Amino acid sequence: MTEKTIYNKPVRDNLPKIIKDNGDECEYIILSPAEYKKVLLEKYVEEIEEYKNAKTQKEQLDELADVAEITEALAVLDGATPDDFYKVKVEKQQRRGSFVKRIFLVSATVKKDSQK
């Protein structure tokens, strides 16, 4: 018995081939850049929820890998290359740091003539 499942969601590029290589069938479409950006942003929310609900470190890392992949895809949709994206990430990290030290800024008093 075969059963058709409706997904209606973005998937990784190799998934249709993997499905077909397993002897199964799938139907997919290629979205416009604007449509794809919209569904990727929705997928972001889904992946963050899955990360929040992950029980093991492996599950957490798996979900974070999906978040990173979606981030890169969004950068490409905006006209950047993956290398452009990571270059900006590293430059920003060198300039302003990362988020690994768990710093939570409560307030700051800034001189009016200081540059940000």
Protein backbone atom coordinates (compact mmCIF):
# COMPACT_ATOMS: atom_id res chain seq x y z
CA MET A 1 0.00 0.00 0.00
CA THR A 2 1.30 3.46 -0.88
CA GLU A 3 0.38 6.62 0.94
CA LYS A 4 0.84 10.16 -0.31
CA THR A 5 1.96 12.70 2.28
CA ILE A 6 1.57 16.43 1.67
CA TYR A 7 4.52 18.49 2.92
CA ASN A 8 4.30 21.94 1.31
CA LYS A 9 7.62 23.09 2.73
CA PRO A 10 11.13 23.90 1.53
CA VAL A 11 13.59 21.02 1.64
CA ARG A 12 17.28 20.53 1.05
CA ASP A 13 18.31 20.38 -2.62
CA ASN A 14 19.10 16.64 -2.75
CA LEU A 15 15.87 15.40 -1.16
CA PRO A 16 13.89 14.83 -4.40
CA LYS A 17 16.77 12.73 -5.78
CA ILE A 18 17.06 10.78 -2.53
CA ILE A 19 13.33 10.02 -2.62
CA LYS A 20 13.50 8.89 -6.25
CA ASP A 21 16.67 6.83 -5.63
CA ASN A 22 14.71 4.97 -2.94
CA GLY A 23 12.17 3.99 -5.60
CA ASP A 24 9.54 6.43 -4.36
CA GLU A 25 7.89 9.36 -6.09
CA CYS A 26 7.68 13.02 -5.20
CA GLU A 27 6.29 16.20 -6.67
CA TYR A 28 8.01 19.55 -6.26
CA ILE A 29 8.11 23.01 -7.77
CA ILE A 30 10.76 25.72 -7.99
CA LEU A 31 9.58 28.89 -6.27
CA SER A 32 10.34 32.44 -7.31
CA PRO A 33 13.00 34.17 -5.20
CA ALA A 34 10.33 36.22 -3.36
CA GLU A 35 8.18 33.15 -2.66
CA TYR A 36 11.21 31.16 -1.55
CA LYS A 37 12.36 33.90 0.81
CA LYS A 38 8.92 33.91 2.43
CA VAL A 39 8.87 30.14 3.01
CA LEU A 40 12.49 30.12 4.21
CA LEU A 41 11.64 32.71 6.85
CA GLU A 42 8.76 30.48 7.97
CA LYS A 43 11.15 27.50 7.98
CA TYR A 44 13.51 29.52 10.21
CA VAL A 45 10.79 29.73 12.87
CA GLU A 46 10.12 25.98 12.56
CA GLU A 47 13.79 25.09 12.93
CA ILE A 48 14.23 27.36 15.96
CA GLU A 49 11.24 25.66 17.62
CA GLU A 50 12.74 22.26 16.83
CA TYR A 51 16.03 23.43 18.34
CA LYS A 52 14.25 24.63 21.48
CA ASN A 53 12.54 21.24 21.80
CA ALA A 54 15.61 19.10 21.02
CA LYS A 55 16.47 16.65 23.78
CA THR A 56 20.09 15.81 22.99
CA GLN A 57 23.15 17.76 21.92
CA LYS A 58 23.15 15.88 18.60
CA GLU A 59 19.54 16.93 17.96
CA GLN A 60 20.39 20.53 18.88
CA LEU A 61 23.39 20.61 16.53
CA ASP A 62 21.30 19.05 13.77
CA GLU A 63 18.69 21.79 14.09
CA LEU A 64 21.35 24.52 14.27
CA ALA A 65 22.89 23.14 11.07
CA ASP A 66 19.49 23.62 9.42
CA VAL A 67 19.32 27.19 10.75
CA ALA A 68 22.81 27.89 9.34
CA GLU A 69 21.83 26.39 5.97
CA ILE A 70 18.70 28.54 5.82
CA THR A 71 20.74 31.63 6.77
CA GLU A 72 23.15 30.94 3.92
CA ALA A 73 20.28 30.36 1.48
CA LEU A 74 18.74 33.71 2.46
CA ALA A 75 22.08 35.44 1.87
CA VAL A 76 22.28 33.85 -1.59
CA LEU A 77 18.71 34.94 -2.35
CA ASP A 78 19.80 38.49 -1.49
CA GLY A 79 22.60 38.29 -4.08
CA ALA A 80 25.55 37.23 -1.94
CA THR A 81 27.65 34.12 -2.30
CA PRO A 82 28.19 31.76 0.63
CA ASP A 83 31.77 33.08 0.78
CA ASP A 84 30.46 36.67 0.94
CA PHE A 85 28.23 35.71 3.84
CA TYR A 86 30.98 34.00 5.85
CA LYS A 87 33.44 36.81 5.11
CA VAL A 88 31.00 39.36 6.57
CA LYS A 89 30.34 37.05 9.52
CA VAL A 90 34.06 36.76 10.31
CA GLU A 91 34.67 40.50 9.81
CA LYS A 92 31.79 41.36 12.14
CA GLN A 93 33.01 38.80 14.66
CA GLN A 94 36.51 40.34 14.61
CA ARG A 95 35.10 43.87 14.93
CA ARG A 96 32.34 43.32 17.50
CA GLY A 97 32.88 39.82 18.87
CA SER A 98 30.63 36.78 19.03
CA PHE A 99 27.82 35.73 21.31
CA VAL A 100 29.77 33.05 23.19
CA LYS A 101 30.60 34.99 26.38
CA ARG A 102 26.90 35.20 27.35
CA ILE A 103 27.00 39.00 27.78
CA PHE A 104 23.61 40.59 28.43
CA LEU A 105 23.84 44.40 28.18
CA VAL A 106 21.52 46.06 30.69
CA SER A 107 22.32 49.70 29.96
CA ALA A 108 24.97 52.06 28.65
CA THR A 109 25.63 55.76 28.91
CA VAL A 110 26.94 57.00 25.59
CA LYS A 111 28.39 60.41 24.86
CA LYS A 112 26.29 62.19 22.23
CA ASP A 113 29.26 62.82 19.95
CA SER A 114 30.57 59.22 20.01
CA GLN A 115 30.38 57.15 16.86
CA LYS A 116 28.72 53.73 16.86
